[in-house]
Protein backbone atom coordinates (compact mmCIF):
# COMPACT_ATOMS: atom_id res chain seq x y z
CA MET A 1 0.37 -16.90 128.91
CA MET A 2 -1.28 -16.75 126.09
CA ASP A 3 0.21 -17.15 122.48
CA SER A 4 0.17 -12.83 120.35
CA ASN A 5 0.53 -15.35 116.79
CA LEU A 6 -3.16 -16.84 117.15
CA PRO A 7 -5.15 -17.30 114.32
CA TYR A 8 -7.79 -15.12 115.17
CA SER A 9 -8.74 -12.24 118.05
CA VAL A 10 -11.17 -10.96 120.05
CA ASN A 11 -14.03 -9.42 118.15
CA ASP A 12 -13.03 -11.21 115.51
CA TRP A 13 -16.25 -12.98 113.12
CA VAL A 14 -15.22 -16.18 111.91
CA VAL A 15 -17.89 -18.74 110.20
CA HIS A 16 -18.39 -22.92 111.22
CA THR A 17 -19.53 -25.14 109.03
CA GLN A 18 -22.46 -26.45 111.66
CA TYR A 19 -23.47 -23.01 113.87
CA GLY A 20 -22.78 -20.30 110.87
CA VAL A 21 -21.43 -17.15 111.90
CA GLY A 22 -20.47 -15.64 114.70
CA GLN A 23 -18.18 -13.53 117.12
CA ILE A 24 -15.34 -14.08 119.04
CA LYS A 25 -16.56 -12.91 122.47
CA ARG A 26 -13.20 -13.49 124.31
CA ILE A 27 -10.60 -16.17 125.06
CA GLU A 28 -11.69 -18.73 128.14
CA ILE A 29 -9.97 -21.82 129.76
CA LYS A 30 -11.71 -24.94 129.02
CA PRO A 31 -11.12 -28.14 130.37
CA ILE A 32 -10.41 -30.18 127.05
CA HIS A 33 -9.34 -33.82 127.35
CA GLY A 34 -8.30 -33.48 131.37
CA GLU A 35 -6.00 -30.27 130.48
CA LYS A 36 -6.77 -26.93 130.39
CA THR A 37 -6.87 -25.11 126.80
CA ASP A 38 -7.21 -21.84 126.09
CA CYS A 39 -9.87 -21.42 123.84
CA PHE A 40 -11.73 -18.69 121.95
CA LYS A 41 -15.66 -18.09 123.08
CA VAL A 42 -17.93 -17.54 119.70
CA LYS A 43 -20.97 -16.22 119.93
CA THR A 44 -23.68 -16.86 116.79
CA ASN A 45 -27.39 -15.73 116.93
CA ASP A 46 -28.19 -19.27 117.81
CA CYS A 47 -25.53 -20.13 119.94
CA THR A 48 -22.51 -20.32 122.23
CA TYR A 49 -19.40 -22.97 120.92
CA TRP A 50 -15.77 -22.91 122.03
CA PHE A 51 -12.83 -24.17 119.68
CA PRO A 52 -9.27 -23.76 121.21
CA THR A 53 -6.91 -21.34 119.98
CA ASN A 54 -3.94 -23.55 118.99
CA ASP A 55 -6.69 -25.37 116.53
CA ILE A 56 -5.09 -23.18 113.67
CA ASP A 57 -5.74 -25.99 110.65
CA ASN A 58 -9.64 -26.91 111.95
CA PRO A 59 -11.54 -27.25 109.25
CA ARG A 60 -14.72 -26.10 109.88
CA ILE A 61 -13.66 -22.53 111.10
CA ARG A 62 -13.10 -19.86 108.69
CA SER A 63 -12.59 -16.06 109.05
CA VAL A 64 -15.47 -14.69 106.89
CA ALA A 65 -15.13 -13.51 104.08
CA SER A 66 -13.77 -10.67 102.58
CA LYS A 67 -15.42 -7.51 100.49
CA ASP A 68 -14.13 -9.11 96.81
CA VAL A 69 -15.27 -12.50 97.82
CA ILE A 70 -18.59 -11.04 98.14
CA GLN A 71 -18.34 -8.64 94.65
CA LYS A 72 -17.55 -12.62 93.16
CA VAL A 73 -20.89 -13.41 95.17
CA ILE A 74 -22.69 -11.13 93.60
CA ARG A 75 -21.03 -12.11 89.64
CA ASN A 76 -22.29 -15.62 90.95
CA LEU A 77 -25.72 -15.02 91.27
CA ARG A 78 -26.12 -12.88 88.31
CA ARG A 79 -25.15 -15.18 86.05
CA LYS A 80 -27.33 -17.68 83.81
CA SER A 81 -27.72 -20.94 86.08
CA SER A 82 -25.69 -23.92 84.81
CA LYS A 83 -26.80 -26.43 83.12
CA LEU A 84 -29.57 -27.97 85.15
CA ASP A 85 -29.76 -31.78 85.93
CA THR A 86 -33.11 -33.44 86.34
CA ASP A 87 -32.20 -35.69 88.72
CA ARG A 88 -32.79 -34.89 92.05
CA ARG A 89 -30.39 -37.86 93.32
CA VAL A 90 -27.69 -35.19 92.31
CA TRP A 91 -29.31 -32.31 93.78
CA LYS A 92 -30.03 -34.07 97.01
CA GLN A 93 -25.71 -34.61 96.02
CA SER A 94 -25.31 -30.93 95.33
CA ILE A 95 -27.36 -29.79 98.65
CA ALA A 96 -25.25 -31.93 101.47
CA GLU A 97 -21.99 -31.27 100.11
CA ALA A 98 -23.30 -27.53 100.25
CA GLN A 99 -24.46 -28.27 103.69
CA SER A 100 -20.84 -29.48 104.95
CA ASN A 101 -19.10 -26.63 102.69
CA SER A 102 -18.89 -22.81 104.81
CA ASP A 103 -17.39 -21.81 101.14
CA LEU A 104 -19.56 -18.73 99.88
CA LEU A 105 -18.76 -18.77 96.26
CA SER A 106 -19.78 -22.02 96.26
CA LEU A 107 -23.25 -21.24 98.22
CA SER A 108 -23.81 -18.95 95.73
CA VAL A 109 -23.98 -21.05 92.88
CA ILE A 110 -26.85 -23.47 94.99
CA ILE A 111 -28.16 -20.68 95.91
CA ARG A 112 -28.50 -19.88 92.13
CA ASP A 113 -29.13 -23.19 90.37
CA LEU A 114 -31.97 -24.17 93.26
CA SER A 115 -33.41 -20.51 92.70
CA THR A 116 -33.74 -21.58 88.83
CA GLN A 117 -34.56 -24.70 89.59
CA LYS A 118 -37.34 -23.61 91.48
CA ILE A 119 -39.13 -21.13 88.90
CA LEU A 120 -38.83 -24.95 85.94
CA ARG A 121 -40.19 -26.91 88.53
CA GLN A 122 -41.46 -27.20 91.91
CA LEU A 123 -38.98 -27.98 94.82
CA ASN A 124 -39.45 -30.52 97.22
CA GLN A 125 -39.08 -29.77 100.59
CA THR A 126 -35.91 -31.03 101.34
CA GLU A 127 -34.69 -28.54 98.41
CA GLU A 128 -36.95 -25.71 99.72
CA ASP A 129 -35.44 -25.99 103.57
CA ALA A 130 -32.08 -26.20 101.90
CA LEU A 131 -32.40 -23.00 99.56
CA GLU A 132 -33.93 -21.19 102.49
CA ASN A 133 -30.63 -22.43 105.22
CA PHE A 134 -28.21 -21.43 101.98
CA LYS A 135 -29.65 -18.02 101.64
CA ASP A 136 -29.88 -17.45 105.63
CA ARG A 137 -26.31 -18.54 105.65
CA LEU A 138 -25.10 -15.97 102.80
CA LEU A 139 -27.09 -13.37 104.34
CA ARG A 140 -25.70 -13.39 107.81
CA GLU A 141 -22.41 -13.33 106.38
CA TRP A 142 -22.54 -10.67 104.21
CA ALA A 143 -24.20 -8.74 106.78
CA SER A 144 -21.75 -9.66 109.07
CA ILE A 145 -18.89 -8.10 106.55
CA THR A 146 -20.64 -4.88 104.78
CA HIS A 147 -22.22 -4.47 108.16
CA GLU A 148 -25.62 -3.57 106.29
CA GLU A 149 -29.61 -4.97 107.79
CA ILE A 150 -30.41 -8.54 106.86
CA GLU A 151 -33.55 -7.45 104.94
CA THR A 152 -32.05 -5.13 102.95
CA LEU A 153 -29.80 -7.76 101.92
CA ARG A 154 -32.21 -10.00 101.51
CA THR A 155 -34.02 -7.25 99.05
CA GLU A 156 -30.22 -7.18 97.03
CA LEU A 157 -30.03 -11.23 97.02
CA GLN A 158 -33.54 -11.47 95.37
CA GLU A 159 -32.77 -8.77 92.71
CA TYR A 160 -29.23 -11.00 91.51
CA ILE A 161 -31.55 -13.84 91.38
CA GLU A 162 -33.88 -12.79 89.43
CA VAL A 163 -31.67 -11.16 87.18
CA SER A 164 -30.22 -14.99 86.72
CA GLN A 165 -33.42 -16.09 86.54
CA SER A 166 -34.08 -14.00 83.15
CA LYS A 167 -31.71 -15.47 81.96
CA VAL A 168 -33.10 -18.71 81.55
CA LYS A 169 -35.57 -19.86 79.48
CA VAL A 170 -38.95 -21.53 80.82
CA ASP A 171 -40.24 -24.02 77.98
């Protein structure tokens, strides 16, 4: 018998730090450490994964953000970039932190700042790849929340980034 106080339900959208946005399709029994365990089956664009229904403190999984969070993300994207560090090691550290974090507000800041860095100096391949990955993660979650097409949101995202970039003096 399944617990009616589960943290998620079938058809809920969730975000995994590694696999990204996915939808819970059903609950299945899976063997974990030799015991039959009720697990949520989650389908993303690229894969399927399972996690135990009783794993409510799993730091790698969270519900998709709210529409209010999306509004804060948009405000972040439109703001002038933070003082940009010229040391690539600092950027490497920021990218590594963002890759292990699924928080949209933090992601929006690094998207904005990397996009600004891109117009001030050429990004290296690692930075360029990270920027595209972060944009994709943001767009997939944003689309799952607003039910808009990703390509429509991609255009919107670019417009917000351009607003931010227009606030930066290029020397």
